[in-house]
């Protein structure tokens, strides 16, 4: 993981592009939600105009930090036989890959977090709740960890389909909408909100957004920890089943 962090930090071009893209998205989406709240009496779904901007700053930081095409790349490695070679090593392929991707994402997350705090501070002022904001820092790290673990679990479909692009497409849409990246779950229709809260995607964007928007809810950290453990377990099971399939078919 440390090596991956060093490499990510050394890739200054990609780091600058990711941070710049993040700032542009937060400014655009956050301003839209802020304007919508101000035009609806100052609140939407229990969020003020200030809260919504801080929410977007956190939810976008949690997702922009990660390689957006990670599922597709893992699928390509599986289809090309690269993963089959890695399976020969004595270490856990899932553990190594998750740690490596997590390490790559952390420098970008730090850059986005710093830029987001500066931008939101300039546009709407200080975060609504300092205690919740501190929890949001922990939640951001856990959100990235959950996302990376989940992408490995989803990418395992390539052991059977040899193409993970469809899984990547579906996964991203889940994170965008029912994961809370583009809007708080409270803004969804009631039935969809209930479903979204029962799925792991809310741990990847909604949780840090909810906290940074001023809602002091420490239980969200526990939910993220539980989902991270479950998602890592699912990834291990998926890759284990894929390894057994390769041994059977000789892939």
C-alpha atoms as a PDB file:
ATOM      1  CA  UNK A   1       0.000   0.000   0.000  1.00  0.00           C
ATOM      2  CA  UNK A   2       2.841   2.386   0.837  1.00  0.00           C
ATOM      3  CA  UNK A   3       4.440   1.776  -2.548  1.00  0.00           C
ATOM      4  CA  UNK A   4       1.137   2.474  -4.289  1.00  0.00           C
ATOM      5  CA  UNK A   5       0.771   5.725  -2.350  1.00  0.00           C
ATOM      6  CA  UNK A   6       4.241   6.841  -3.436  1.00  0.00           C
ATOM      7  CA  UNK A   7       3.505   6.058  -7.065  1.00  0.00           C
ATOM      8  CA  UNK A   8       0.196   7.921  -6.952  1.00  0.00           C
ATOM      9  CA  UNK A   9       1.890  10.947  -5.390  1.00  0.00           C
ATOM     10  CA  UNK A  10       4.611  10.841  -8.053  1.00  0.00           C
ATOM     11  CA  UNK A  11       2.006  10.909 -10.825  1.00  0.00           C
ATOM     12  CA  UNK A  12       1.550  14.646 -10.499  1.00  0.00           C
ATOM     13  CA  UNK A  13      -0.278  15.044 -13.787  1.00  0.00           C
ATOM     14  CA  UNK A  14      -3.005  12.603 -12.839  1.00  0.00           C
ATOM     15  CA  UNK A  15      -3.176  14.061  -9.328  1.00  0.00           C
ATOM     16  CA  UNK A  16      -3.708  17.596 -10.634  1.00  0.00           C
ATOM     17  CA  UNK A  17      -6.280  16.476 -13.211  1.00  0.00           C
ATOM     18  CA  UNK A  18      -8.269  14.503 -10.617  1.00  0.00           C
ATOM     19  CA  UNK A  19      -8.275  17.427  -8.172  1.00  0.00           C
ATOM     20  CA  UNK A  20      -9.197  19.911 -10.880  1.00  0.00           C
ATOM     21  CA  UNK A  21     -12.031  17.686 -12.080  1.00  0.00           C
ATOM     22  CA  UNK A  22     -13.261  17.333  -8.504  1.00  0.00           C
ATOM     23  CA  UNK A  23     -13.325  21.099  -7.951  1.00  0.00           C
ATOM     24  CA  UNK A  24     -15.258  21.640 -11.193  1.00  0.00           C
ATOM     25  CA  UNK A  25     -17.846  18.983 -10.326  1.00  0.00           C
ATOM     26  CA  UNK A  26     -18.341  20.212  -6.757  1.00  0.00           C
ATOM     27  CA  UNK A  27     -18.696  23.785  -7.897  1.00  0.00           C
ATOM     28  CA  UNK A  28     -21.266  22.841 -10.525  1.00  0.00           C
ATOM     29  CA  UNK A  29     -23.339  20.230  -8.658  1.00  0.00           C
ATOM     30  CA  UNK A  30     -23.022  21.932  -5.286  1.00  0.00           C
ATOM     31  CA  UNK A  31     -24.131  25.270  -6.720  1.00  0.00           C
ATOM     32  CA  UNK A  32     -27.131  23.636  -8.395  1.00  0.00           C
ATOM     33  CA  UNK A  33     -28.291  22.067  -5.129  1.00  0.00           C
ATOM     34  CA  UNK A  34     -27.608  25.267  -3.223  1.00  0.00           C
ATOM     35  CA  UNK A  35     -29.674  27.295  -5.688  1.00  0.00           C
ATOM     36  CA  UNK A  36     -32.479  24.722  -5.583  1.00  0.00           C
ATOM     37  CA  UNK A  37     -32.561  24.852  -1.780  1.00  0.00           C
ATOM     38  CA  UNK A  38     -32.632  28.649  -1.717  1.00  0.00           C
ATOM     39  CA  UNK A  39     -35.537  28.657  -4.186  1.00  0.00           C
ATOM     40  CA  UNK A  40     -37.496  26.197  -2.010  1.00  0.00           C
ATOM     41  CA  UNK A  41     -37.512  28.103   1.224  1.00  0.00           C
ATOM     42  CA  UNK A  42     -33.889  27.396   2.083  1.00  0.00           C
ATOM     43  CA  UNK A  43     -34.177  23.625   2.640  1.00  0.00           C
ATOM     44  CA  UNK A  44     -34.543  20.427   0.621  1.00  0.00           C
ATOM     45  CA  UNK A  45     -35.218  17.077   2.308  1.00  0.00           C
ATOM     46  CA  UNK A  46     -33.988  18.475   5.623  1.00  0.00           C
ATOM     47  CA  UNK A  47     -30.789  19.968   4.175  1.00  0.00           C
ATOM     48  CA  UNK A  48     -30.037  23.676   4.077  1.00  0.00           C
ATOM     49  CA  UNK A  49     -28.286  25.334   1.146  1.00  0.00           C
ATOM     50  CA  UNK A  50     -25.038  25.315   3.131  1.00  0.00           C
ATOM     51  CA  UNK A  51     -25.443  21.668   4.164  1.00  0.00           C
ATOM     52  CA  UNK A  52     -26.067  20.557   0.587  1.00  0.00           C
ATOM     53  CA  UNK A  53     -22.876  22.173  -0.671  1.00  0.00           C
ATOM     54  CA  UNK A  54     -20.832  20.492   2.046  1.00  0.00           C
ATOM     55  CA  UNK A  55     -22.632  17.221   1.328  1.00  0.00           C
ATOM     56  CA  UNK A  56     -21.568  17.314  -2.341  1.00  0.00           C
ATOM     57  CA  UNK A  57     -18.009  18.255  -1.369  1.00  0.00           C
ATOM     58  CA  UNK A  58     -17.759  15.035   0.681  1.00  0.00           C
ATOM     59  CA  UNK A  59     -19.684  12.637  -1.565  1.00  0.00           C
ATOM     60  CA  UNK A  60     -17.704  13.677  -4.640  1.00  0.00           C
ATOM     61  CA  UNK A  61     -14.353  13.457  -2.834  1.00  0.00           C
ATOM     62  CA  UNK A  62     -15.147   9.879  -1.814  1.00  0.00           C
ATOM     63  CA  UNK A  63     -15.798   8.800  -5.405  1.00  0.00           C
ATOM     64  CA  UNK A  64     -13.525  10.975  -7.551  1.00  0.00           C
ATOM     65  CA  UNK A  65     -10.499   9.727  -5.589  1.00  0.00           C
ATOM     66  CA  UNK A  66     -10.885   6.196  -6.968  1.00  0.00           C
ATOM     67  CA  UNK A  67      -9.935   4.862 -10.374  1.00  0.00           C
ATOM     68  CA  UNK A  68     -13.326   5.103 -12.059  1.00  0.00           C
ATOM     69  CA  UNK A  69     -12.608   2.209 -14.422  1.00  0.00           C
ATOM     70  CA  UNK A  70     -11.182  -0.135 -11.803  1.00  0.00           C
ATOM     71  CA  UNK A  71     -13.792  -2.857 -12.385  1.00  0.00           C
ATOM     72  CA  UNK A  72     -13.106  -2.866 -16.115  1.00  0.00           C
ATOM     73  CA  UNK A  73      -9.338  -3.034 -15.565  1.00  0.00           C
ATOM     74  CA  UNK A  74      -9.632  -5.942 -13.129  1.00  0.00           C
ATOM     75  CA  UNK A  75     -11.897  -7.703 -15.628  1.00  0.00           C
ATOM     76  CA  UNK A  76      -9.298  -7.218 -18.350  1.00  0.00           C
ATOM     77  CA  UNK A  77      -6.617  -8.712 -16.106  1.00  0.00           C
ATOM     78  CA  UNK A  78      -8.835 -11.718 -15.457  1.00  0.00           C
ATOM     79  CA  UNK A  79      -9.673 -12.201 -19.135  1.00  0.00           C
ATOM     80  CA  UNK A  80      -6.050 -11.827 -20.258  1.00  0.00           C
ATOM     81  CA  UNK A  81      -4.746 -14.350 -17.738  1.00  0.00           C
ATOM     82  CA  UNK A  82      -2.846 -11.825 -15.643  1.00  0.00           C
ATOM     83  CA  UNK A  83      -4.827 -12.696 -12.531  1.00  0.00           C
ATOM     84  CA  UNK A  84      -4.189 -16.416 -13.103  1.00  0.00           C
ATOM     85  CA  UNK A  85      -0.462 -15.729 -12.755  1.00  0.00           C
ATOM     86  CA  UNK A  86      -1.024 -13.707  -9.580  1.00  0.00           C
ATOM     87  CA  UNK A  87      -3.009 -16.586  -8.092  1.00  0.00           C
ATOM     88  CA  UNK A  88       0.197 -18.649  -8.071  1.00  0.00           C
ATOM     89  CA  UNK A  89       1.720 -16.386  -5.443  1.00  0.00           C
ATOM     90  CA  UNK A  90       1.473 -17.398  -1.761  1.00  0.00           C
ATOM     91  CA  UNK A  91      -0.152 -14.103  -0.755  1.00  0.00           C
ATOM     92  CA  UNK A  92      -3.850 -13.264  -1.053  1.00  0.00           C
ATOM     93  CA  UNK A  93      -4.447 -11.707  -4.465  1.00  0.00           C
ATOM     94  CA  UNK A  94      -7.541  -9.897  -3.208  1.00  0.00           C
ATOM     95  CA  UNK A  95      -5.741  -8.493  -0.172  1.00  0.00           C
ATOM     96  CA  UNK A  96      -2.784  -7.276  -2.234  1.00  0.00           C
ATOM     97  CA  UNK A  97      -4.977  -5.710  -4.905  1.00  0.00           C
ATOM     98  CA  UNK A  98      -7.317  -3.982  -2.466  1.00  0.00           C
ATOM     99  CA  UNK A  99      -4.397  -2.619  -0.427  1.00  0.00           C
ATOM    100  CA  UNK A 100      -2.680  -1.389  -3.592  1.00  0.00           C
ATOM    101  CA  UNK A 101      -5.745   0.386  -4.962  1.00  0.00           C
ATOM    102  CA  UNK A 102      -6.532   1.834  -1.559  1.00  0.00           C
ATOM    103  CA  UNK A 103      -2.995   3.201  -1.361  1.00  0.00           C
ATOM    104  CA  UNK A 104      -3.328   4.752  -4.813  1.00  0.00           C
ATOM    105  CA  UNK A 105      -6.588   6.446  -3.848  1.00  0.00           C
ATOM    106  CA  UNK A 106      -5.461   7.983  -0.556  1.00  0.00           C
ATOM    107  CA  UNK A 107      -3.267  10.801  -2.001  1.00  0.00           C
ATOM    108  CA  UNK A 108      -6.068  11.777  -4.367  1.00  0.00           C
ATOM    109  CA  UNK A 109      -8.549  11.684  -1.496  1.00  0.00           C
ATOM    110  CA  UNK A 110      -6.299  13.981   0.535  1.00  0.00           C
ATOM    111  CA  UNK A 111      -5.997  16.396  -2.392  1.00  0.00           C
ATOM    112  CA  UNK A 112      -9.738  16.427  -2.998  1.00  0.00           C
ATOM    113  CA  UNK A 113     -10.506  16.837   0.703  1.00  0.00           C
ATOM    114  CA  UNK A 114      -8.210  19.847   1.024  1.00  0.00           C
ATOM    115  CA  UNK A 115      -9.573  21.409  -2.151  1.00  0.00           C
ATOM    116  CA  UNK A 116     -13.158  20.677  -1.085  1.00  0.00           C
ATOM    117  CA  UNK A 117     -12.755  22.273   2.329  1.00  0.00           C
ATOM    118  CA  UNK A 118     -11.179  25.356   0.772  1.00  0.00           C
ATOM    119  CA  UNK A 119     -13.842  25.639  -1.926  1.00  0.00           C
ATOM    120  CA  UNK A 120     -16.822  25.060   0.367  1.00  0.00           C
ATOM    121  CA  UNK A 121     -15.367  27.448   2.931  1.00  0.00           C
ATOM    122  CA  UNK A 122     -15.117  30.179   0.310  1.00  0.00           C
ATOM    123  CA  UNK A 123     -18.568  29.569  -1.175  1.00  0.00           C
ATOM    124  CA  UNK A 124     -20.780  28.813   1.840  1.00  0.00           C
ATOM    125  CA  UNK A 125     -18.631  29.248   4.939  1.00  0.00           C
ATOM    126  CA  UNK A 126     -17.634  26.843   7.716  1.00  0.00           C
ATOM    127  CA  UNK A 127     -19.092  23.317   7.959  1.00  0.00           C
ATOM    128  CA  UNK A 128     -22.361  23.206   9.925  1.00  0.00           C
ATOM    129  CA  UNK A 129     -21.055  20.943  12.703  1.00  0.00           C
ATOM    130  CA  UNK A 130     -17.370  20.636  13.617  1.00  0.00           C
ATOM    131  CA  UNK A 131     -17.760  17.308  15.428  1.00  0.00           C
ATOM    132  CA  UNK A 132     -19.577  15.776  12.488  1.00  0.00           C
ATOM    133  CA  UNK A 133     -16.935  17.197  10.136  1.00  0.00           C
ATOM    134  CA  UNK A 134     -14.185  15.415  12.056  1.00  0.00           C
ATOM    135  CA  UNK A 135     -16.141  12.162  11.823  1.00  0.00           C
ATOM    136  CA  UNK A 136     -16.527  12.810   8.100  1.00  0.00           C
ATOM    137  CA  UNK A 137     -12.743  12.592   7.667  1.00  0.00           C
ATOM    138  CA  UNK A 138     -12.800   9.049   9.034  1.00  0.00           C
ATOM    139  CA  UNK A 139     -15.878   8.295   6.978  1.00  0.00           C
ATOM    140  CA  UNK A 140     -14.180   9.447   3.761  1.00  0.00           C
ATOM    141  CA  UNK A 141     -11.377   6.930   4.252  1.00  0.00           C
ATOM    142  CA  UNK A 142     -13.867   4.153   4.994  1.00  0.00           C
ATOM    143  CA  UNK A 143     -15.957   5.157   1.968  1.00  0.00           C
ATOM    144  CA  UNK A 144     -12.953   4.707  -0.308  1.00  0.00           C
ATOM    145  CA  UNK A 145     -12.114   1.372   1.337  1.00  0.00           C
ATOM    146  CA  UNK A 146     -15.685   0.114   0.842  1.00  0.00           C
ATOM    147  CA  UNK A 147     -15.708   1.250  -2.775  1.00  0.00           C
ATOM    148  CA  UNK A 148     -12.425  -0.452  -3.615  1.00  0.00           C
ATOM    149  CA  UNK A 149     -13.509  -3.712  -1.951  1.00  0.00           C
ATOM    150  CA  UNK A 150     -16.888  -3.652  -3.697  1.00  0.00           C
ATOM    151  CA  UNK A 151     -15.317  -3.063  -7.100  1.00  0.00           C
ATOM    152  CA  UNK A 152     -13.162  -6.162  -6.668  1.00  0.00           C
ATOM    153  CA  UNK A 153     -16.239  -8.182  -5.738  1.00  0.00           C
ATOM    154  CA  UNK A 154     -18.142  -6.904  -8.796  1.00  0.00           C
ATOM    155  CA  UNK A 155     -15.181  -7.400 -11.126  1.00  0.00           C
ATOM    156  CA  UNK A 156     -15.103 -11.098 -10.236  1.00  0.00           C
ATOM    157  CA  UNK A 157     -17.922 -11.609 -12.740  1.00  0.00           C
ATOM    158  CA  UNK A 158     -15.206 -11.633 -15.401  1.00  0.00           C
ATOM    159  CA  UNK A 159     -14.195 -15.144 -14.250  1.00  0.00           C
ATOM    160  CA  UNK A 160     -17.452 -16.295 -15.835  1.00  0.00           C
ATOM    161  CA  UNK A 161     -18.300 -13.676 -18.474  1.00  0.00           C
ATOM    162  CA  UNK A 162     -14.757 -12.665 -19.481  1.00  0.00           C
ATOM    163  CA  UNK A 163     -15.969  -9.061 -19.687  1.00  0.00           C
ATOM    164  CA  UNK A 164     -16.608  -6.799 -16.722  1.00  0.00           C
ATOM    165  CA  UNK A 165     -17.681  -3.704 -18.661  1.00  0.00           C
ATOM    166  CA  UNK A 166     -21.373  -4.327 -18.042  1.00  0.00           C
ATOM    167  CA  UNK A 167     -20.717  -4.761 -14.319  1.00  0.00           C
ATOM    168  CA  UNK A 168     -18.711  -1.511 -14.323  1.00  0.00           C
ATOM    169  CA  UNK A 169     -21.553   0.394 -16.008  1.00  0.00           C
ATOM    170  CA  UNK A 170     -24.210  -0.879 -13.589  1.00  0.00           C
ATOM    171  CA  UNK A 171     -21.986  -0.390 -10.552  1.00  0.00           C
ATOM    172  CA  UNK A 172     -21.267   3.259 -11.335  1.00  0.00           C
ATOM    173  CA  UNK A 173     -24.970   4.060 -11.735  1.00  0.00           C
ATOM    174  CA  UNK A 174     -25.686   2.453  -8.372  1.00  0.00           C
ATOM    175  CA  UNK A 175     -23.050   4.610  -6.660  1.00  0.00           C
ATOM    176  CA  UNK A 176     -24.230   7.757  -8.438  1.00  0.00           C
ATOM    177  CA  UNK A 177     -27.896   7.452  -7.460  1.00  0.00           C
ATOM    178  CA  UNK A 178     -28.642   5.023  -4.629  1.00  0.00           C
ATOM    179  CA  UNK A 179     -25.163   5.487  -3.211  1.00  0.00           C
ATOM    180  CA  UNK A 180     -25.885   9.160  -2.638  1.00  0.00           C
ATOM    181  CA  UNK A 181     -23.114  10.661  -4.741  1.00  0.00           C
ATOM    182  CA  UNK A 182     -25.324  13.083  -6.654  1.00  0.00           C
ATOM    183  CA  UNK A 183     -28.033  13.652  -4.068  1.00  0.00           C
ATOM    184  CA  UNK A 184     -28.800  12.754  -0.438  1.00  0.00           C
ATOM    185  CA  UNK A 185     -30.822   9.595   0.069  1.00  0.00           C
ATOM    186  CA  UNK A 186     -33.500  11.670   1.805  1.00  0.00           C
ATOM    187  CA  UNK A 187     -34.235  13.300  -1.581  1.00  0.00           C
ATOM    188  CA  UNK A 188     -35.145   9.942  -3.148  1.00  0.00           C
ATOM    189  CA  UNK A 189     -38.707   8.574  -3.247  1.00  0.00           C
ATOM    190  CA  UNK A 190     -39.483   6.881   0.078  1.00  0.00           C
ATOM    191  CA  UNK A 191     -39.418   3.319  -1.252  1.00  0.00           C
ATOM    192  CA  UNK A 192     -36.143   3.865  -3.099  1.00  0.00           C
ATOM    193  CA  UNK A 193     -34.619   5.491  -0.026  1.00  0.00           C
ATOM    194  CA  UNK A 194     -35.383   2.408   2.074  1.00  0.00           C
ATOM    195  CA  UNK A 195     -33.820   0.119  -0.534  1.00  0.00           C
ATOM    196  CA  UNK A 196     -30.761   2.367  -0.848  1.00  0.00           C
ATOM    197  CA  UNK A 197     -30.141   2.278   2.900  1.00  0.00           C
ATOM    198  CA  UNK A 198     -30.092  -1.523   2.803  1.00  0.00           C
ATOM    199  CA  UNK A 199     -27.390  -1.677   0.128  1.00  0.00           C
ATOM    200  CA  UNK A 200     -23.638  -1.131   0.525  1.00  0.00           C
ATOM    201  CA  UNK A 201     -23.455   1.794  -1.923  1.00  0.00           C
ATOM    202  CA  UNK A 202     -24.618   4.270   0.719  1.00  0.00           C
ATOM    203  CA  UNK A 203     -21.390   3.557   2.621  1.00  0.00           C
ATOM    204  CA  UNK A 204     -19.393   4.852  -0.358  1.00  0.00           C
ATOM    205  CA  UNK A 205     -20.782   8.378  -0.741  1.00  0.00           C
ATOM    206  CA  UNK A 206     -23.821   9.088   1.417  1.00  0.00           C
ATOM    207  CA  UNK A 207     -22.164   8.412   4.786  1.00  0.00           C
ATOM    208  CA  UNK A 208     -19.375  11.025   4.515  1.00  0.00           C
ATOM    209  CA  UNK A 209     -21.761  13.448   2.822  1.00  0.00           C
ATOM    210  CA  UNK A 210     -24.322  13.092   5.572  1.00  0.00           C
ATOM    211  CA  UNK A 211     -21.721  13.722   8.255  1.00  0.00           C
ATOM    212  CA  UNK A 212     -20.030  16.685   6.589  1.00  0.00           C
ATOM    213  CA  UNK A 213     -23.434  18.270   5.945  1.00  0.00           C
ATOM    214  CA  UNK A 214     -23.749  18.723   9.698  1.00  0.00           C
ATOM    215  CA  UNK A 215     -25.541  15.584  10.889  1.00  0.00           C
ATOM    216  CA  UNK A 216     -23.673  14.103  13.834  1.00  0.00           C
ATOM    217  CA  UNK A 217     -24.448  10.404  13.380  1.00  0.00           C
ATOM    218  CA  UNK A 218     -21.543   8.228  14.626  1.00  0.00           C
ATOM    219  CA  UNK A 219     -23.527   5.081  13.790  1.00  0.00           C
ATOM    220  CA  UNK A 220     -22.687   5.693  10.114  1.00  0.00           C
ATOM    221  CA  UNK A 221     -19.061   4.805  10.880  1.00  0.00           C
ATOM    222  CA  UNK A 222     -20.176   1.468  12.292  1.00  0.00           C
ATOM    223  CA  UNK A 223     -22.289   0.821   9.195  1.00  0.00           C
ATOM    224  CA  UNK A 224     -19.291   1.508   6.969  1.00  0.00           C
ATOM    225  CA  UNK A 225     -17.040  -0.806   8.979  1.00  0.00           C
ATOM    226  CA  UNK A 226     -19.617  -3.583   8.743  1.00  0.00           C
ATOM    227  CA  UNK A 227     -20.007  -3.142   4.993  1.00  0.00           C
ATOM    228  CA  UNK A 228     -16.244  -3.065   4.480  1.00  0.00           C
ATOM    229  CA  UNK A 229     -15.838  -6.405   6.248  1.00  0.00           C
ATOM    230  CA  UNK A 230     -18.723  -7.883   4.251  1.00  0.00           C
ATOM    231  CA  UNK A 231     -17.436  -6.564   0.922  1.00  0.00           C
ATOM    232  CA  UNK A 232     -13.905  -7.834   1.506  1.00  0.00           C
ATOM    233  CA  UNK A 233     -15.379 -11.221   2.382  1.00  0.00           C
ATOM    234  CA  UNK A 234     -17.486 -11.178  -0.784  1.00  0.00           C
ATOM    235  CA  UNK A 235     -14.447 -10.282  -2.889  1.00  0.00           C
ATOM    236  CA  UNK A 236     -12.456 -13.142  -1.342  1.00  0.00           C
ATOM    237  CA  UNK A 237     -15.289 -15.592  -1.979  1.00  0.00           C
ATOM    238  CA  UNK A 238     -15.740 -14.388  -5.565  1.00  0.00           C
ATOM    239  CA  UNK A 239     -12.059 -14.665  -6.432  1.00  0.00           C
ATOM    240  CA  UNK A 240     -11.865 -18.027  -4.678  1.00  0.00           C
ATOM    241  CA  UNK A 241     -14.725 -19.356  -6.780  1.00  0.00           C
ATOM    242  CA  UNK A 242     -13.101 -17.868  -9.871  1.00  0.00           C
ATOM    243  CA  UNK A 243      -9.810 -19.571  -9.069  1.00  0.00           C
ATOM    244  CA  UNK A 244     -11.544 -22.936  -8.745  1.00  0.00           C
ATOM    245  CA  UNK A 245     -13.243 -22.373 -12.085  1.00  0.00           C
ATOM    246  CA  UNK A 246      -9.904 -21.617 -13.746  1.00  0.00           C
ATOM    247  CA  UNK A 247      -8.490 -24.846 -12.339  1.00  0.00           C
ATOM    248  CA  UNK A 248     -11.435 -26.824 -13.690  1.00  0.00           C
ATOM    249  CA  UNK A 249     -11.503 -25.334 -17.204  1.00  0.00           C
ATOM    250  CA  UNK A 250      -7.746 -24.827 -17.405  1.00  0.00           C
ATOM    251  CA  UNK A 251      -8.062 -21.056 -18.013  1.00  0.00           C
END
